Amino acid sequence: MPGSTRASTVSRDAPDFAALPRARLREMAAAGRRILEVYRVLGRTGDNVVGEILRDTGTFFEWDHYPKGDAYDAETHAQYYYHSHPLALRGGEHGHFHTFLRPKGMPRNVGPADVPGFAPPAGDNDALSHLIAISMDRDGVPTRLFTTNRWVTGETWYAAADVVAMLGRFRIDRARPSWPTNIWITAMLRLFRPQIAALLRRRDAAVADWRRRHPERDAFEDRALEIASVADISVDAQIAAVEAALRGGRR
């Protein structure tokens, strides 16, 4: 995550896993197993999901998108890229993944939010939504999830409830730029769905609060509001919590 003092307070509140539907827990458990399998296979050769994206790219430049042109699945319309900020702004991370969904992959009943400054893009598949960002350490391990203000990625703004409805549609089902990383990032949005949903709701609350406190500014374009919500994560701890909830037997 960028090392910005403009970020909201980091949340360490865990979801109530026992309250989740059993079908959701099973989906999360399956995602956890896929992530662990990716780690197992990559670990045999000393690789990781970030290194997969940066393989054969030459010099790694700050701000550039990796892979070049982003990773995009033309059937699901899911998209992601990895990049890094200057060292002084990284806040201890190596870089982060940004994930998106384009309109042709969205549920039919969602649409852009009615917010100040909204101008529909020219293309019918250009009003993409940012879903979540995943902060990575130097070992290629995910450490945090965070949401951003609109100006950060140039996204079209959708209400949190609509973005939550998009999460299950994010899937990168192709071999390039890296099959292991594509599997991993797809599974991450399933394993951590409860936290992502909570972060999106907190994102909307943070922007609404900013608008109330700074009515003279365009909150969605205000460079003083960059990171709207943040949560620390651990793949191992999440998998353990899901498995414990499943053993609890709640239907």
Protein backbone atom coordinates (compact mmCIF):
# COMPACT_ATOMS: atom_id res chain seq x y z
CA MET A 1 0.00 0.00 0.00
CA PRO A 2 1.30 3.49 -0.73
CA GLY A 3 2.82 5.05 2.36
CA SER A 4 0.34 7.92 2.45
CA THR A 5 -0.63 9.76 5.63
CA ARG A 6 -3.89 10.38 3.81
CA ALA A 7 -5.07 6.82 4.31
CA SER A 8 -7.91 5.94 6.64
CA THR A 9 -7.25 3.99 9.84
CA VAL A 10 -6.14 0.41 9.23
CA SER A 11 -8.83 -2.07 10.24
CA ARG A 12 -7.87 -5.23 12.09
CA ASP A 13 -11.44 -6.34 12.80
CA ALA A 14 -12.04 -9.92 11.66
CA PRO A 15 -15.34 -10.89 10.03
CA ASP A 16 -17.83 -13.00 11.96
CA PHE A 17 -17.06 -16.17 10.03
CA ALA A 18 -19.62 -18.20 11.98
CA ALA A 19 -22.36 -15.91 10.66
CA LEU A 20 -21.46 -16.49 7.01
CA PRO A 21 -23.61 -18.87 4.93
CA ARG A 22 -22.11 -22.33 4.69
CA ALA A 23 -22.00 -22.11 0.89
CA ARG A 24 -19.90 -18.95 1.16
CA LEU A 25 -17.54 -20.62 3.60
CA ARG A 26 -17.09 -23.58 1.26
CA GLU A 27 -16.32 -21.21 -1.62
CA MET A 28 -13.77 -19.40 0.54
CA ALA A 29 -12.21 -22.69 1.64
CA ALA A 30 -11.87 -23.83 -1.97
CA ALA A 31 -10.21 -20.51 -2.83
CA GLY A 32 -7.81 -20.96 0.05
CA ARG A 33 -6.79 -24.39 -1.21
CA ARG A 34 -6.11 -22.97 -4.67
CA ILE A 35 -3.91 -20.24 -3.21
CA LEU A 36 -1.92 -22.76 -1.19
CA GLU A 37 -1.47 -24.94 -4.25
CA VAL A 38 -0.13 -21.96 -6.20
CA TYR A 39 2.29 -21.24 -3.36
CA ARG A 40 3.37 -24.88 -3.25
CA VAL A 41 4.10 -25.11 -6.97
CA LEU A 42 5.84 -21.73 -7.23
CA GLY A 43 7.81 -22.43 -4.06
CA ARG A 44 9.42 -25.51 -5.60
CA THR A 45 11.36 -23.21 -7.93
CA GLY A 46 11.74 -20.29 -5.52
CA ASP A 47 9.19 -18.19 -7.38
CA ASN A 48 6.20 -16.09 -6.25
CA VAL A 49 3.15 -14.44 -7.81
CA VAL A 50 4.80 -11.02 -8.17
CA GLY A 51 7.93 -12.46 -9.76
CA GLU A 52 5.71 -14.24 -12.27
CA ILE A 53 4.33 -10.90 -13.46
CA LEU A 54 7.76 -9.27 -13.59
CA ARG A 55 9.48 -12.18 -15.33
CA ASP A 56 11.40 -11.15 -18.48
CA THR A 57 10.31 -7.50 -18.15
CA GLY A 58 13.82 -6.11 -17.81
CA THR A 59 14.20 -3.06 -15.58
CA PHE A 60 11.33 -2.62 -13.11
CA PHE A 61 10.14 0.98 -13.32
CA GLU A 62 8.10 2.75 -10.66
CA TRP A 63 4.53 3.61 -11.73
CA ASP A 64 4.62 1.41 -14.86
CA HIS A 65 1.91 -1.23 -15.21
CA TYR A 66 2.92 -4.89 -15.25
CA PRO A 67 2.19 -6.68 -17.44
CA LYS A 68 2.36 -4.01 -20.12
CA GLY A 69 -1.17 -3.22 -21.20
CA ASP A 70 -2.56 -4.94 -18.05
CA ALA A 71 -3.85 -8.50 -17.68
CA TYR A 72 -7.33 -8.73 -19.21
CA ASP A 73 -9.75 -11.58 -19.76
CA ALA A 74 -11.90 -10.77 -22.80
CA GLU A 75 -14.59 -13.27 -21.76
CA THR A 76 -15.07 -12.21 -18.13
CA HIS A 77 -13.90 -8.60 -18.63
CA ALA A 78 -11.81 -8.83 -15.46
CA GLN A 79 -8.57 -6.88 -15.42
CA TYR A 80 -5.57 -6.29 -13.16
CA TYR A 81 -2.09 -4.86 -13.09
CA TYR A 82 0.82 -4.66 -10.68
CA HIS A 83 2.86 -1.55 -10.01
CA SER A 84 5.02 0.15 -7.44
CA HIS A 85 5.29 3.69 -6.11
CA PRO A 86 8.60 5.47 -5.39
CA LEU A 87 10.41 3.99 -2.40
CA ALA A 88 9.61 6.92 -0.11
CA LEU A 89 5.88 6.42 -0.75
CA ARG A 90 5.63 2.64 -0.45
CA GLY A 91 4.98 2.35 3.26
CA GLY A 92 7.03 -0.84 3.49
CA GLU A 93 5.44 -2.65 0.57
CA HIS A 94 7.12 -3.75 -2.65
CA GLY A 95 4.07 -2.88 -4.77
CA HIS A 96 0.42 -3.74 -5.20
CA PHE A 97 -2.12 -5.25 -7.55
CA HIS A 98 -5.14 -3.24 -8.70
CA THR A 99 -8.17 -5.28 -9.77
CA PHE A 100 -11.05 -4.14 -11.98
CA LEU A 101 -14.19 -5.27 -13.75
CA ARG A 102 -15.44 -3.74 -16.99
CA PRO A 103 -19.16 -3.17 -17.74
CA LYS A 104 -19.63 -6.16 -20.05
CA GLY A 105 -18.70 -8.42 -17.16
CA MET A 106 -20.93 -6.72 -14.57
CA PRO A 107 -24.38 -7.79 -13.36
CA ARG A 108 -27.08 -6.23 -15.52
CA ASN A 109 -28.74 -4.36 -12.66
CA VAL A 110 -25.73 -2.21 -11.72
CA GLY A 111 -24.66 1.13 -13.11
CA PRO A 112 -22.41 4.08 -12.31
CA ALA A 113 -23.26 6.07 -9.22
CA ASP A 114 -24.79 9.52 -9.60
CA VAL A 115 -21.87 11.54 -8.30
CA PRO A 116 -20.51 15.02 -9.10
CA GLY A 117 -18.28 15.19 -12.12
CA PHE A 118 -19.39 11.93 -13.69
CA ALA A 119 -19.08 11.90 -17.48
CA PRO A 120 -19.83 8.58 -19.20
CA PRO A 121 -16.80 7.24 -21.11
CA ALA A 122 -17.09 7.03 -24.88
CA GLY A 123 -16.68 3.26 -25.14
CA ASP A 124 -19.45 0.90 -24.03
CA ASN A 125 -16.95 -1.17 -22.02
CA ASP A 126 -14.83 1.66 -20.62
CA ALA A 127 -16.72 2.53 -17.41
CA LEU A 128 -14.63 0.09 -15.37
CA SER A 129 -14.88 -0.31 -11.61
CA HIS A 130 -11.93 -0.72 -9.28
CA LEU A 131 -12.64 -3.65 -6.97
CA ILE A 132 -9.75 -3.88 -4.51
CA ALA A 133 -5.99 -3.40 -4.30
CA ILE A 134 -3.68 -6.02 -2.79
CA SER A 135 -0.48 -4.84 -1.15
CA MET A 136 2.54 -7.16 -1.47
CA ASP A 137 5.78 -7.39 0.48
CA ARG A 138 9.22 -8.04 -1.01
CA ASP A 139 8.72 -11.82 -0.71
CA GLY A 140 5.56 -11.73 -2.81
CA VAL A 141 3.26 -12.21 0.19
CA PRO A 142 -0.03 -10.26 0.43
CA THR A 143 -0.17 -8.10 3.54
CA ARG A 144 -3.06 -5.67 3.12
CA LEU A 145 -6.18 -4.91 1.13
CA PHE A 146 -7.16 -1.32 0.40
CA THR A 147 -9.60 0.82 -1.57
CA THR A 148 -8.82 4.04 -3.37
CA ASN A 149 -10.47 7.29 -4.29
CA ARG A 150 -11.71 7.67 -7.87
CA TRP A 151 -8.82 9.81 -9.14
CA VAL A 152 -6.21 7.21 -8.16
CA THR A 153 -7.08 4.74 -10.94
CA GLY A 154 -9.35 6.89 -13.10
CA GLU A 155 -12.21 4.47 -12.51
CA THR A 156 -15.91 5.08 -12.89
CA TRP A 157 -17.51 5.26 -9.44
CA TYR A 158 -20.01 2.56 -8.46
CA ALA A 159 -21.75 2.33 -5.09
CA ALA A 160 -20.26 -0.18 -2.67
CA ALA A 161 -23.27 -2.53 -2.90
CA ASP A 162 -22.86 -2.70 -6.68
CA VAL A 163 -19.12 -3.34 -6.44
CA VAL A 164 -19.75 -6.13 -3.93
CA ALA A 165 -22.14 -7.68 -6.47
CA MET A 166 -19.27 -7.65 -8.99
CA LEU A 167 -16.76 -9.52 -6.85
CA GLY A 168 -17.87 -13.02 -7.81
CA ARG A 169 -17.53 -12.14 -11.48
CA PHE A 170 -13.84 -11.35 -11.27
CA ARG A 171 -12.02 -14.24 -12.89
CA ILE A 172 -8.86 -14.31 -15.00
CA ASP A 173 -9.16 -17.62 -16.81
CA ARG A 174 -6.22 -17.58 -19.19
CA ALA A 175 -2.61 -18.71 -19.31
CA ARG A 176 -1.00 -15.28 -19.71
CA PRO A 177 0.66 -13.30 -18.29
CA SER A 178 0.98 -16.05 -15.65
CA TRP A 179 -1.38 -18.92 -15.02
CA PRO A 180 -0.34 -19.25 -11.34
CA THR A 181 -0.81 -15.53 -10.68
CA ASN A 182 -4.14 -15.50 -12.51
CA ILE A 183 -5.37 -18.39 -10.37
CA TRP A 184 -4.04 -16.72 -7.22
CA ILE A 185 -5.58 -13.29 -7.78
CA THR A 186 -8.95 -14.79 -8.72
CA ALA A 187 -8.90 -16.89 -5.54
CA MET A 188 -7.82 -13.94 -3.37
CA LEU A 189 -11.03 -12.05 -4.17
CA ARG A 190 -13.02 -15.11 -3.09
CA LEU A 191 -11.08 -15.98 0.04
CA PHE A 192 -11.23 -12.41 1.35
CA ARG A 193 -14.69 -11.47 0.08
CA PRO A 194 -16.05 -10.53 3.55
CA GLN A 195 -13.17 -8.13 4.19
CA ILE A 196 -13.41 -6.67 0.70
CA ALA A 197 -17.13 -6.04 1.09
CA ALA A 198 -16.51 -4.31 4.42
CA LEU A 199 -13.71 -2.19 2.94
CA LEU A 200 -15.95 -1.06 0.08
CA ARG A 201 -18.65 0.03 2.52
CA ARG A 202 -16.01 1.89 4.55
CA ARG A 203 -14.75 3.46 1.31
CA ASP A 204 -18.15 4.96 0.60
CA ALA A 205 -18.47 6.17 4.19
CA ALA A 206 -15.01 7.78 4.06
CA VAL A 207 -15.79 9.64 0.83
CA ALA A 208 -19.19 10.76 2.13
CA ASP A 209 -17.56 12.07 5.29
CA TRP A 210 -14.92 13.88 3.23
CA ARG A 211 -17.64 15.55 1.17
CA ARG A 212 -19.41 16.73 4.32
CA ARG A 213 -16.22 18.15 5.82
CA HIS A 214 -14.95 19.72 2.57
CA PRO A 215 -18.04 20.85 0.63
CA GLU A 216 -15.97 23.27 -1.43
CA ARG A 217 -13.93 20.44 -2.99
CA ASP A 218 -14.64 17.63 -5.44
CA ALA A 219 -14.05 14.77 -3.04
CA PHE A 220 -13.59 12.20 -5.80
CA GLU A 221 -10.75 14.20 -7.36
CA ASP A 222 -9.22 15.56 -4.16
CA ARG A 223 -5.54 14.48 -4.00
CA ALA A 224 -5.68 14.82 -0.22
CA LEU A 225 -7.94 11.74 -0.13
CA GLU A 226 -6.09 8.84 -1.71
CA ILE A 227 -6.64 5.65 0.31
CA ALA A 228 -10.19 5.31 1.63
CA SER A 229 -10.02 2.08 3.64
CA VAL A 230 -7.36 -0.47 4.59
CA ALA A 231 -7.24 -3.90 6.27
CA ASP A 232 -4.34 -6.12 7.27
CA ILE A 233 -4.65 -9.69 5.98
CA SER A 234 -3.05 -13.11 6.39
CA VAL A 235 -3.83 -15.97 4.01
CA ASP A 236 -2.99 -18.58 6.65
CA ALA A 237 -5.11 -16.94 9.34
CA GLN A 238 -8.04 -16.52 6.93
CA ILE A 239 -7.94 -20.17 5.88
CA ALA A 240 -7.76 -21.28 9.52
CA ALA A 241 -10.76 -19.11 10.45
CA VAL A 242 -12.81 -20.44 7.53
CA GLU A 243 -11.99 -24.04 8.39
CA ALA A 244 -12.91 -23.44 12.03
CA ALA A 245 -16.26 -21.96 11.00
CA LEU A 246 -16.97 -24.94 8.75
CA ARG A 247 -16.18 -27.32 11.59
CA GLY A 248 -18.67 -25.38 13.70
CA GLY A 249 -21.44 -26.79 11.53
CA ARG A 250 -23.50 -23.66 10.92
CA ARG A 251 -25.82 -24.06 7.90
